[in-house]
């Protein structure tokens, strides 16, 4: 029982930290600041760690990102992407090219 409570608290703290980082990133983007690639990747890595550790699912984090985006910009991610496709700071990276070993890709 105690362990479940601790796990729940840990999950809440993780979600709060992701939300804080997303708010900061989106707020800076809204102000027109160029988001450093390293910051974007750091946040993506943090979120991926949460998925890997089973703290949150990809769906839960995507929903959180959508909610915070609406909070900051007043529109959905899809609406924002449609209006300014080059302004979107997150992109889905397709890693399928790395499924083939490098020595085969480079021949």
PDB file of N, CA and C in Angstrom:
ATOM      1  N   UNK A   1       0.820  -1.193   0.000  1.00  0.00           N
ATOM      2  CA  UNK A   1       0.000   0.000   0.000  1.00  0.00           C
ATOM      3  C   UNK A   1       0.867   1.260   0.000  1.00  0.00           C
ATOM      4  N   UNK A   2       1.854   1.276   0.884  1.00  0.00           N
ATOM      5  CA  UNK A   2       2.753   2.424   0.975  1.00  0.00           C
ATOM      6  C   UNK A   2       3.519   2.608  -0.329  1.00  0.00           C
ATOM      7  N   UNK A   3       3.939   1.493  -0.917  1.00  0.00           N
ATOM      8  CA  UNK A   3       4.692   1.553  -2.172  1.00  0.00           C
ATOM      9  C   UNK A   3       3.820   2.100  -3.304  1.00  0.00           C
ATOM     10  N   UNK A   4       2.541   1.735  -3.318  1.00  0.00           N
ATOM     11  CA  UNK A   4       1.615   2.244  -4.334  1.00  0.00           C
ATOM     12  C   UNK A   4       1.445   3.751  -4.199  1.00  0.00           C
ATOM     13  N   UNK A   5       1.366   4.223  -2.974  1.00  0.00           N
ATOM     14  CA  UNK A   5       1.227   5.662  -2.726  1.00  0.00           C
ATOM     15  C   UNK A   5       2.474   6.399  -3.199  1.00  0.00           C
ATOM     16  N   UNK A   6       3.640   5.832  -2.904  1.00  0.00           N
ATOM     17  CA  UNK A   6       4.888   6.450  -3.347  1.00  0.00           C
ATOM     18  C   UNK A   6       4.971   6.469  -4.873  1.00  0.00           C
ATOM     19  N   UNK A   7       4.562   5.384  -5.522  1.00  0.00           N
ATOM     20  CA  UNK A   7       4.588   5.313  -6.982  1.00  0.00           C
ATOM     21  C   UNK A   7       3.649   6.353  -7.580  1.00  0.00           C
ATOM     22  N   UNK A   8       2.472   6.488  -6.989  1.00  0.00           N
ATOM     23  CA  UNK A   8       1.501   7.473  -7.470  1.00  0.00           C
ATOM     24  C   UNK A   8       2.056   8.893  -7.320  1.00  0.00           C
ATOM     25  N   UNK A   9       2.685   9.163  -6.192  1.00  0.00           N
ATOM     26  CA  UNK A   9       3.290  10.491  -5.971  1.00  0.00           C
ATOM     27  C   UNK A   9       4.414  10.744  -6.966  1.00  0.00           C
ATOM     28  N   UNK A  10       5.236   9.733  -7.209  1.00  0.00           N
ATOM     29  CA  UNK A  10       6.321   9.851  -8.177  1.00  0.00           C
ATOM     30  C   UNK A  10       5.766  10.149  -9.569  1.00  0.00           C
ATOM     31  N   UNK A  11       4.694   9.447  -9.947  1.00  0.00           N
ATOM     32  CA  UNK A  11       4.058   9.665 -11.248  1.00  0.00           C
ATOM     33  C   UNK A  11       3.532  11.089 -11.356  1.00  0.00           C
ATOM     34  N   UNK A  12       2.902  11.578 -10.296  1.00  0.00           N
ATOM     35  CA  UNK A  12       2.390  12.953 -10.284  1.00  0.00           C
ATOM     36  C   UNK A  12       3.525  13.963 -10.419  1.00  0.00           C
ATOM     37  N   UNK A  13       4.603  13.745  -9.666  1.00  0.00           N
ATOM     38  CA  UNK A  13       5.747  14.668  -9.730  1.00  0.00           C
ATOM     39  C   UNK A  13       6.369  14.678 -11.118  1.00  0.00           C
ATOM     40  N   UNK A  14       6.455  13.510 -11.738  1.00  0.00           N
ATOM     41  CA  UNK A  14       7.019  13.430 -13.083  1.00  0.00           C
ATOM     42  C   UNK A  14       6.144  14.215 -14.059  1.00  0.00           C
ATOM     43  N   UNK A  15       4.830  14.002 -13.999  1.00  0.00           N
ATOM     44  CA  UNK A  15       3.904  14.711 -14.888  1.00  0.00           C
ATOM     45  C   UNK A  15       3.978  16.218 -14.656  1.00  0.00           C
ATOM     46  N   UNK A  16       4.101  16.633 -13.408  1.00  0.00           N
ATOM     47  CA  UNK A  16       4.228  18.063 -13.098  1.00  0.00           C
ATOM     48  C   UNK A  16       5.496  18.646 -13.712  1.00  0.00           C
ATOM     49  N   UNK A  17       6.586  17.901 -13.657  1.00  0.00           N
ATOM     50  CA  UNK A  17       7.851  18.384 -14.222  1.00  0.00           C
ATOM     51  C   UNK A  17       7.779  18.454 -15.741  1.00  0.00           C
ATOM     52  N   UNK A  18       7.165  17.453 -16.368  1.00  0.00           N
ATOM     53  CA  UNK A  18       6.988  17.496 -17.824  1.00  0.00           C
ATOM     54  C   UNK A  18       6.145  18.709 -18.188  1.00  0.00           C
ATOM     55  N   UNK A  19       5.060  18.926 -17.450  1.00  0.00           N
ATOM     56  CA  UNK A  19       4.180  20.064 -17.718  1.00  0.00           C
ATOM     57  C   UNK A  19       4.936  21.381 -17.561  1.00  0.00           C
ATOM     58  N   UNK A  20       5.743  21.495 -16.523  1.00  0.00           N
ATOM     59  CA  UNK A  20       6.519  22.729 -16.303  1.00  0.00           C
ATOM     60  C   UNK A  20       7.454  22.990 -17.472  1.00  0.00           C
ATOM     61  N   UNK A  21       8.157  21.943 -17.905  1.00  0.00           N
ATOM     62  CA  UNK A  21       9.102  22.098 -19.013  1.00  0.00           C
ATOM     63  C   UNK A  21       8.383  22.423 -20.319  1.00  0.00           C
ATOM     64  N   UNK A  22       7.241  21.793 -20.558  1.00  0.00           N
ATOM     65  CA  UNK A  22       6.473  22.095 -21.771  1.00  0.00           C
ATOM     66  C   UNK A  22       5.976  23.537 -21.754  1.00  0.00           C
ATOM     67  N   UNK A  23       5.449  23.979 -20.608  1.00  0.00           N
ATOM     68  CA  UNK A  23       4.974  25.364 -20.495  1.00  0.00           C
ATOM     69  C   UNK A  23       6.096  26.353 -20.802  1.00  0.00           C
ATOM     70  N   UNK A  24       7.259  26.090 -20.243  1.00  0.00           N
ATOM     71  CA  UNK A  24       8.402  26.978 -20.457  1.00  0.00           C
ATOM     72  C   UNK A  24       8.788  26.996 -21.935  1.00  0.00           C
ATOM     73  N   UNK A  25       8.872  25.834 -22.545  1.00  0.00           N
ATOM     74  CA  UNK A  25       9.260  25.752 -23.948  1.00  0.00           C
ATOM     75  C   UNK A  25       8.235  26.448 -24.845  1.00  0.00           C
ATOM     76  N   UNK A  26       6.948  26.155 -24.623  1.00  0.00           N
ATOM     77  CA  UNK A  26       5.903  26.768 -25.443  1.00  0.00           C
ATOM     78  C   UNK A  26       5.824  28.276 -25.212  1.00  0.00           C
ATOM     79  N   UNK A  27       5.982  28.713 -23.964  1.00  0.00           N
ATOM     80  CA  UNK A  27       5.940  30.150 -23.670  1.00  0.00           C
ATOM     81  C   UNK A  27       7.084  30.874 -24.368  1.00  0.00           C
ATOM     82  N   UNK A  28       8.275  30.297 -24.334  1.00  0.00           N
ATOM     83  CA  UNK A  28       9.411  30.904 -25.032  1.00  0.00           C
ATOM     84  C   UNK A  28       9.175  30.936 -26.535  1.00  0.00           C
ATOM     85  N   UNK A  29       8.602  29.871 -27.063  1.00  0.00           N
ATOM     86  CA  UNK A  29       8.288  29.825 -28.490  1.00  0.00           C
ATOM     87  C   UNK A  29       7.266  30.903 -28.850  1.00  0.00           C
ATOM     88  N   UNK A  30       6.265  31.073 -27.992  1.00  0.00           N
ATOM     89  CA  UNK A  30       5.237  32.085 -28.240  1.00  0.00           C
ATOM     90  C   UNK A  30       5.834  33.493 -28.253  1.00  0.00           C
ATOM     91  N   UNK A  31       6.866  33.702 -27.435  1.00  0.00           N
ATOM     92  CA  UNK A  31       7.540  35.005 -27.394  1.00  0.00           C
ATOM     93  C   UNK A  31       8.451  35.222 -28.595  1.00  0.00           C
ATOM     94  N   UNK A  32       8.565  34.209 -29.445  1.00  0.00           N
ATOM     95  CA  UNK A  32       9.393  34.327 -30.637  1.00  0.00           C
ATOM     96  C   UNK A  32      10.831  33.916 -30.426  1.00  0.00           C
ATOM     97  N   UNK A  33      11.121  33.358 -29.273  1.00  0.00           N
ATOM     98  CA  UNK A  33      12.490  32.926 -28.995  1.00  0.00           C
ATOM     99  C   UNK A  33      12.796  31.653 -29.773  1.00  0.00           C
ATOM    100  N   UNK A  34      14.001  31.562 -30.263  1.00  0.00           N
ATOM    101  CA  UNK A  34      14.461  30.353 -30.945  1.00  0.00           C
ATOM    102  C   UNK A  34      14.759  29.308 -29.873  1.00  0.00           C
ATOM    103  N   UNK A  35      14.108  28.176 -29.956  1.00  0.00           N
ATOM    104  CA  UNK A  35      14.317  27.116 -28.968  1.00  0.00           C
ATOM    105  C   UNK A  35      15.564  26.332 -29.354  1.00  0.00           C
ATOM    106  N   UNK A  36      16.569  26.292 -28.483  1.00  0.00           N
ATOM    107  CA  UNK A  36      17.773  25.524 -28.814  1.00  0.00           C
ATOM    108  C   UNK A  36      17.431  24.043 -29.011  1.00  0.00           C
ATOM    109  N   UNK A  37      18.026  23.455 -30.011  1.00  0.00           N
ATOM    110  CA  UNK A  37      17.773  22.051 -30.323  1.00  0.00           C
ATOM    111  C   UNK A  37      18.062  21.176 -29.110  1.00  0.00           C
ATOM    112  N   UNK A  38      19.108  21.503 -28.379  1.00  0.00           N
ATOM    113  CA  UNK A  38      19.476  20.694 -27.217  1.00  0.00           C
ATOM    114  C   UNK A  38      18.367  20.705 -26.165  1.00  0.00           C
ATOM    115  N   UNK A  39      17.700  21.828 -25.982  1.00  0.00           N
ATOM    116  CA  UNK A  39      16.603  21.905 -25.015  1.00  0.00           C
ATOM    117  C   UNK A  39      15.424  21.046 -25.458  1.00  0.00           C
ATOM    118  N   UNK A  40      15.109  21.124 -26.721  1.00  0.00           N
ATOM    119  CA  UNK A  40      14.008  20.322 -27.270  1.00  0.00           C
ATOM    120  C   UNK A  40      14.304  18.833 -27.111  1.00  0.00           C
ATOM    121  N   UNK A  41      15.520  18.439 -27.450  1.00  0.00           N
ATOM    122  CA  UNK A  41      15.892  17.028 -27.350  1.00  0.00           C
ATOM    123  C   UNK A  41      15.972  16.574 -25.896  1.00  0.00           C
ATOM    124  N   UNK A  42      16.385  17.459 -25.021  1.00  0.00           N
ATOM    125  CA  UNK A  42      16.437  17.119 -23.590  1.00  0.00           C
ATOM    126  C   UNK A  42      15.027  16.816 -23.078  1.00  0.00           C
ATOM    127  N   UNK A  43      14.065  17.642 -23.460  1.00  0.00           N
ATOM    128  CA  UNK A  43      12.682  17.421 -23.044  1.00  0.00           C
ATOM    129  C   UNK A  43      12.128  16.143 -23.664  1.00  0.00           C
ATOM    130  N   UNK A  44      12.401  15.935 -24.941  1.00  0.00           N
ATOM    131  CA  UNK A  44      11.936  14.707 -25.592  1.00  0.00           C
ATOM    132  C   UNK A  44      12.541  13.476 -24.914  1.00  0.00           C
ATOM    133  N   UNK A  45      13.816  13.554 -24.556  1.00  0.00           N
ATOM    134  CA  UNK A  45      14.473  12.445 -23.870  1.00  0.00           C
ATOM    135  C   UNK A  45      13.884  12.201 -22.487  1.00  0.00           C
ATOM    136  N   UNK A  46      13.571  13.280 -21.787  1.00  0.00           N
ATOM    137  CA  UNK A  46      12.954  13.169 -20.465  1.00  0.00           C
ATOM    138  C   UNK A  46      11.606  12.466 -20.581  1.00  0.00           C
ATOM    139  N   UNK A  47      10.834  12.864 -21.580  1.00  0.00           N
ATOM    140  CA  UNK A  47       9.528  12.245 -21.790  1.00  0.00           C
ATOM    141  C   UNK A  47       9.680  10.774 -22.190  1.00  0.00           C
ATOM    142  N   UNK A  48      10.654  10.481 -23.042  1.00  0.00           N
ATOM    143  CA  UNK A  48      10.907   9.094 -23.448  1.00  0.00           C
ATOM    144  C   UNK A  48      11.312   8.245 -22.247  1.00  0.00           C
ATOM    145  N   UNK A  49      12.083   8.820 -21.329  1.00  0.00           N
ATOM    146  CA  UNK A  49      12.478   8.089 -20.122  1.00  0.00           C
ATOM    147  C   UNK A  49      11.247   7.723 -19.299  1.00  0.00           C
ATOM    148  N   UNK A  50      10.304   8.641 -19.211  1.00  0.00           N
ATOM    149  CA  UNK A  50       9.060   8.354 -18.489  1.00  0.00           C
ATOM    150  C   UNK A  50       8.279   7.220 -19.122  1.00  0.00           C
ATOM    151  N   UNK A  51       8.277   7.187 -20.455  1.00  0.00           N
ATOM    152  CA  UNK A  51       7.606   6.093 -21.164  1.00  0.00           C
ATOM    153  C   UNK A  51       8.346   4.787 -20.906  1.00  0.00           C
ATOM    154  N   UNK A  52       9.660   4.816 -21.028  1.00  0.00           N
ATOM    155  CA  UNK A  52      10.479   3.617 -20.841  1.00  0.00           C
ATOM    156  C   UNK A  52      10.310   3.039 -19.433  1.00  0.00           C
ATOM    157  N   UNK A  53      10.270   3.917 -18.441  1.00  0.00           N
ATOM    158  CA  UNK A  53      10.149   3.472 -17.054  1.00  0.00           C
ATOM    159  C   UNK A  53       8.715   3.117 -16.663  1.00  0.00           C
ATOM    160  N   UNK A  54       7.781   3.324 -17.586  1.00  0.00           N
ATOM    161  CA  UNK A  54       6.386   2.989 -17.313  1.00  0.00           C
ATOM    162  C   UNK A  54       5.676   3.998 -16.437  1.00  0.00           C
ATOM    163  N   UNK A  55       6.226   5.193 -16.331  1.00  0.00           N
ATOM    164  CA  UNK A  55       5.615   6.238 -15.512  1.00  0.00           C
ATOM    165  C   UNK A  55       4.388   6.794 -16.219  1.00  0.00           C
ATOM    166  N   UNK A  56       4.528   7.041 -17.497  1.00  0.00           N
ATOM    167  CA  UNK A  56       3.442   7.546 -18.330  1.00  0.00           C
ATOM    168  C   UNK A  56       3.485   6.808 -19.654  1.00  0.00           C
ATOM    169  N   UNK A  57       2.376   6.864 -20.369  1.00  0.00           N
ATOM    170  CA  UNK A  57       2.349   6.296 -21.715  1.00  0.00           C
ATOM    171  C   UNK A  57       2.563   7.420 -22.718  1.00  0.00           C
ATOM    172  N   UNK A  58       2.887   7.045 -23.933  1.00  0.00           N
ATOM    173  CA  UNK A  58       3.062   8.030 -24.997  1.00  0.00           C
ATOM    174  C   UNK A  58       1.763   8.806 -25.202  1.00  0.00           C
ATOM    175  N   UNK A  59       0.635   8.111 -25.105  1.00  0.00           N
ATOM    176  CA  UNK A  59      -0.673   8.752 -25.270  1.00  0.00           C
ATOM    177  C   UNK A  59      -0.922   9.786 -24.176  1.00  0.00           C
ATOM    178  N   UNK A  60      -0.604   9.437 -22.935  1.00  0.00           N
ATOM    179  CA  UNK A  60      -0.797  10.375 -21.823  1.00  0.00           C
ATOM    180  C   UNK A  60       0.060  11.623 -21.998  1.00  0.00           C
ATOM    181  N   UNK A  61       1.296  11.437 -22.408  1.00  0.00           N
ATOM    182  CA  UNK A  61       2.183  12.586 -22.589  1.00  0.00           C
ATOM    183  C   UNK A  61       1.760  13.432 -23.783  1.00  0.00           C
ATOM    184  N   UNK A  62       1.274  12.795 -24.842  1.00  0.00           N
ATOM    185  CA  UNK A  62       0.773  13.548 -25.997  1.00  0.00           C
ATOM    186  C   UNK A  62      -0.446  14.376 -25.598  1.00  0.00           C
ATOM    187  N   UNK A  63      -1.307  13.802 -24.773  1.00  0.00           N
ATOM    188  CA  UNK A  63      -2.481  14.525 -24.298  1.00  0.00           C
ATOM    189  C   UNK A  63      -2.068  15.701 -23.415  1.00  0.00           C
ATOM    190  N   UNK A  64      -1.091  15.484 -22.545  1.00  0.00           N
ATOM    191  CA  UNK A  64      -0.576  16.562 -21.696  1.00  0.00           C
ATOM    192  C   UNK A  64       0.017  17.677 -22.552  1.00  0.00           C
ATOM    193  N   UNK A  65       0.781  17.306 -23.574  1.00  0.00           N
ATOM    194  CA  UNK A  65       1.375  18.295 -24.467  1.00  0.00           C
ATOM    195  C   UNK A  65       0.284  19.101 -25.173  1.00  0.00           C
ATOM    196  N   UNK A  66      -0.763  18.421 -25.620  1.00  0.00           N
ATOM    197  CA  UNK A  66      -1.880  19.092 -26.295  1.00  0.00           C
ATOM    198  C   UNK A  66      -2.554  20.083 -25.347  1.00  0.00           C
ATOM    199  N   UNK A  67      -2.819  19.656 -24.110  1.00  0.00           N
ATOM    200  CA  UNK A  67      -3.475  20.525 -23.128  1.00  0.00           C
ATOM    201  C   UNK A  67      -2.646  21.772 -22.840  1.00  0.00           C
ATOM    202  N   UNK A  68      -1.364  21.603 -22.665  1.00  0.00           N
ATOM    203  CA  UNK A  68      -0.503  22.747 -22.357  1.00  0.00           C
ATOM    204  C   UNK A  68      -0.361  23.651 -23.571  1.00  0.00           C
ATOM    205  N   UNK A  69      -0.326  23.071 -24.752  1.00  0.00           N
ATOM    206  CA  UNK A  69      -0.255  23.877 -25.973  1.00  0.00           C
ATOM    207  C   UNK A  69      -1.491  24.759 -26.084  1.00  0.00           C
ATOM    208  N   UNK A  70      -2.661  24.197 -25.813  1.00  0.00           N
ATOM    209  CA  UNK A  70      -3.904  24.985 -25.846  1.00  0.00           C
ATOM    210  C   UNK A  70      -3.860  26.069 -24.771  1.00  0.00           C
ATOM    211  N   UNK A  71      -3.359  25.727 -23.595  1.00  0.00           N
ATOM    212  CA  UNK A  71      -3.236  26.689 -22.495  1.00  0.00           C
ATOM    213  C   UNK A  71      -2.355  27.877 -22.889  1.00  0.00           C
ATOM    214  N   UNK A  72      -1.230  27.610 -23.546  1.00  0.00           N
ATOM    215  CA  UNK A  72      -0.271  28.667 -23.888  1.00  0.00           C
ATOM    216  C   UNK A  72      -0.673  29.412 -25.154  1.00  0.00           C
ATOM    217  N   UNK A  73      -1.034  28.681 -26.203  1.00  0.00           N
ATOM    218  CA  UNK A  73      -1.293  29.299 -27.504  1.00  0.00           C
ATOM    219  C   UNK A  73      -2.775  29.545 -27.790  1.00  0.00           C
ATOM    220  N   UNK A  74      -3.655  28.886 -27.041  1.00  0.00           N
ATOM    221  CA  UNK A  74      -5.082  29.044 -27.293  1.00  0.00           C
ATOM    222  C   UNK A  74      -5.569  28.289 -28.511  1.00  0.00           C
ATOM    223  N   UNK A  75      -4.796  27.315 -28.963  1.00  0.00           N
ATOM    224  CA  UNK A  75      -5.173  26.497 -30.119  1.00  0.00           C
ATOM    225  C   UNK A  75      -4.487  25.147 -30.024  1.00  0.00           C
ATOM    226  N   UNK A  76      -5.029  24.196 -30.758  1.00  0.00           N
ATOM    227  CA  UNK A  76      -4.449  22.855 -30.737  1.00  0.00           C
ATOM    228  C   UNK A  76      -3.129  22.840 -31.500  1.00  0.00           C
ATOM    229  N   UNK A  77      -2.389  21.766 -31.309  1.00  0.00           N
ATOM    230  CA  UNK A  77      -1.126  21.603 -32.021  1.00  0.00           C
ATOM    231  C   UNK A  77      -1.383  21.536 -33.519  1.00  0.00           C
ATOM    232  N   UNK A  78      -2.420  20.804 -33.915  1.00  0.00           N
ATOM    233  CA  UNK A  78      -2.743  20.680 -35.344  1.00  0.00           C
ATOM    234  C   UNK A  78      -3.073  22.040 -35.952  1.00  0.00           C
ATOM    235  N   UNK A  79      -3.834  22.858 -35.235  1.00  0.00           N
ATOM    236  CA  UNK A  79      -4.164  24.198 -35.728  1.00  0.00           C
ATOM    237  C   UNK A  79      -2.906  25.050 -35.857  1.00  0.00           C
ATOM    238  N   UNK A  80      -2.040  24.964 -34.878  1.00  0.00           N
ATOM    239  CA  UNK A  80      -0.795  25.741 -34.894  1.00  0.00           C
ATOM    240  C   UNK A  80       0.099  25.296 -36.050  1.00  0.00           C
ATOM    241  N   UNK A  81       0.209  23.987 -36.242  1.00  0.00           N
ATOM    242  CA  UNK A  81       1.033  23.469 -37.337  1.00  0.00           C
ATOM    243  C   UNK A  81       0.496  23.921 -38.692  1.00  0.00           C
ATOM    244  N   UNK A  82      -0.831  23.950 -38.824  1.00  0.00           N
ATOM    245  CA  UNK A  82      -1.439  24.360 -40.091  1.00  0.00           C
ATOM    246  C   UNK A  82      -1.182  25.837 -40.376  1.00  0.00           C
ATOM    247  N   UNK A  83      -1.203  26.659 -39.337  1.00  0.00           N
ATOM    248  CA  UNK A  83      -0.993  28.101 -39.507  1.00  0.00           C
ATOM    249  C   UNK A  83       0.474  28.452 -39.740  1.00  0.00           C
ATOM    250  N   UNK A  84       1.359  27.778 -39.036  1.00  0.00           N
ATOM    251  CA  UNK A  84       2.792  28.088 -39.132  1.00  0.00           C
ATOM    252  C   UNK A  84       3.584  26.785 -39.068  1.00  0.00           C
ATOM    253  N   UNK A  85       3.656  26.065 -40.175  1.00  0.00           N
ATOM    254  CA  UNK A  85       4.313  24.751 -40.147  1.00  0.00           C
ATOM    255  C   UNK A  85       5.783  24.796 -39.735  1.00  0.00           C
ATOM    256  N   UNK A  86       6.469  25.885 -39.971  1.00  0.00           N
ATOM    257  CA  UNK A  86       7.891  25.978 -39.612  1.00  0.00           C
ATOM    258  C   UNK A  86       8.111  26.370 -38.161  1.00  0.00           C
ATOM    259  N   UNK A  87       7.047  26.770 -37.470  1.00  0.00           N
ATOM    260  CA  UNK A  87       7.175  27.210 -36.089  1.00  0.00           C
ATOM    261  C   UNK A  87       7.040  26.059 -35.097  1.00  0.00           C
ATOM    262  N   UNK A  88       6.600  24.912 -35.561  1.00  0.00           N
ATOM    263  CA  UNK A  88       6.377  23.793 -34.647  1.00  0.00           C
ATOM    264  C   UNK A  88       7.712  23.274 -34.151  1.00  0.00           C
ATOM    265  N   UNK A  89       7.870  23.182 -32.810  1.00  0.00           N
ATOM    266  CA  UNK A  89       9.165  22.840 -32.229  1.00  0.00           C
ATOM    267  C   UNK A  89       9.408  21.345 -32.081  1.00  0.00           C
ATOM    268  N   UNK A  90       8.363  20.549 -32.098  1.00  0.00           N
ATOM    269  CA  UNK A  90       8.532  19.101 -31.987  1.00  0.00           C
ATOM    270  C   UNK A  90       8.209  18.466 -33.318  1.00  0.00           C
ATOM    271  N   UNK A  91       9.004  17.504 -33.690  1.00  0.00           N
ATOM    272  CA  UNK A  91       8.682  16.752 -34.891  1.00  0.00           C
ATOM    273  C   UNK A  91       8.815  15.278 -34.565  1.00  0.00           C
ATOM    274  N   UNK A  92       8.009  14.496 -35.219  1.00  0.00           N
ATOM    275  CA  UNK A  92       8.131  13.050 -35.070  1.00  0.00           C
ATOM    276  C   UNK A  92       9.331  12.626 -35.894  1.00  0.00           C
ATOM    277  N   UNK A  93      10.286  12.022 -35.252  1.00  0.00           N
ATOM    278  CA  UNK A  93      11.493  11.587 -35.939  1.00  0.00           C
ATOM    279  C   UNK A  93      11.305  10.145 -36.366  1.00  0.00           C
ATOM    280  N   UNK A  94      11.561   9.884 -37.620  1.00  0.00           N
ATOM    281  CA  UNK A  94      11.436   8.536 -38.169  1.00  0.00           C
ATOM    282  C   UNK A  94      12.801   7.864 -38.087  1.00  0.00           C
ATOM    283  N   UNK A  95      12.928   6.911 -37.192  1.00  0.00           N
ATOM    284  CA  UNK A  95      14.199   6.226 -36.968  1.00  0.00           C
ATOM    285  C   UNK A  95      14.322   4.936 -37.776  1.00  0.00           C
ATOM    286  N   UNK A  96      13.376   4.666 -38.678  1.00  0.00           N
ATOM    287  CA  UNK A  96      13.407   3.406 -39.428  1.00  0.00           C
ATOM    288  C   UNK A  96      14.688   3.221 -40.224  1.00  0.00           C
ATOM    289  N   UNK A  97      15.308   4.311 -40.673  1.00  0.00           N
ATOM    290  CA  UNK A  97      16.545   4.170 -41.450  1.00  0.00           C
ATOM    291  C   UNK A  97      17.645   3.507 -40.633  1.00  0.00           C
ATOM    292  N   UNK A  98      17.546   3.594 -39.310  1.00  0.00           N
ATOM    293  CA  UNK A  98      18.569   3.011 -38.452  1.00  0.00           C
ATOM    294  C   UNK A  98      18.285   1.553 -38.094  1.00  0.00           C
ATOM    295  N   UNK A  99      17.172   1.008 -38.600  1.00  0.00           N
ATOM    296  CA  UNK A  99      16.883  -0.409 -38.390  1.00  0.00           C
ATOM    297  C   UNK A  99      17.903  -1.280 -39.107  1.00  0.00           C
ATOM    298  N   UNK A 100      18.444  -0.761 -40.208  1.00  0.00           N
ATOM    299  CA  UNK A 100      19.484  -1.465 -40.957  1.00  0.00           C
ATOM    300  C   UNK A 100      20.838  -1.075 -40.371  1.00  0.00           C
ATOM    301  N   UNK A 101      21.712  -2.035 -40.109  1.00  0.00           N
ATOM    302  CA  UNK A 101      23.028  -1.699 -39.550  1.00  0.00           C
ATOM    303  C   UNK A 101      23.789  -0.713 -40.437  1.00  0.00           C
ATOM    304  N   UNK A 102      24.599   0.118 -39.804  1.00  0.00           N
ATOM    305  CA  UNK A 102      25.340   1.162 -40.517  1.00  0.00           C
ATOM    306  C   UNK A 102      26.235   0.588 -41.605  1.00  0.00           C
ATOM    307  N   UNK A 103      26.857  -0.551 -41.346  1.00  0.00           N
ATOM    308  CA  UNK A 103      27.761  -1.105 -42.356  1.00  0.00           C
ATOM    309  C   UNK A 103      27.008  -1.512 -43.617  1.00  0.00           C
ATOM    310  N   UNK A 104      25.710  -1.837 -43.497  1.00  0.00           N
ATOM    311  CA  UNK A 104      24.917  -2.158 -44.684  1.00  0.00           C
ATOM    312  C   UNK A 104      24.428  -0.888 -45.374  1.00  0.00           C
ATOM    313  N   UNK A 105      24.062   0.126 -44.584  1.00  0.00           N
ATOM    314  CA  UNK A 105      23.579   1.386 -45.168  1.00  0.00           C
ATOM    315  C   UNK A 105      24.675   2.087 -45.943  1.00  0.00           C
ATOM    316  N   UNK A 106      25.909   1.969 -45.517  1.00  0.00           N
ATOM    317  CA  UNK A 106      27.020   2.716 -46.107  1.00  0.00           C
ATOM    318  C   UNK A 106      27.666   2.017 -47.293  1.00  0.00           C
ATOM    319  N   UNK A 107      27.150   0.883 -47.713  1.00  0.00           N
ATOM    320  CA  UNK A 107      27.750   0.178 -48.855  1.00  0.00           C
ATOM    321  C   UNK A 107      27.225   0.718 -50.159  1.00  0.00           C
TER     322      UNK A 107
END
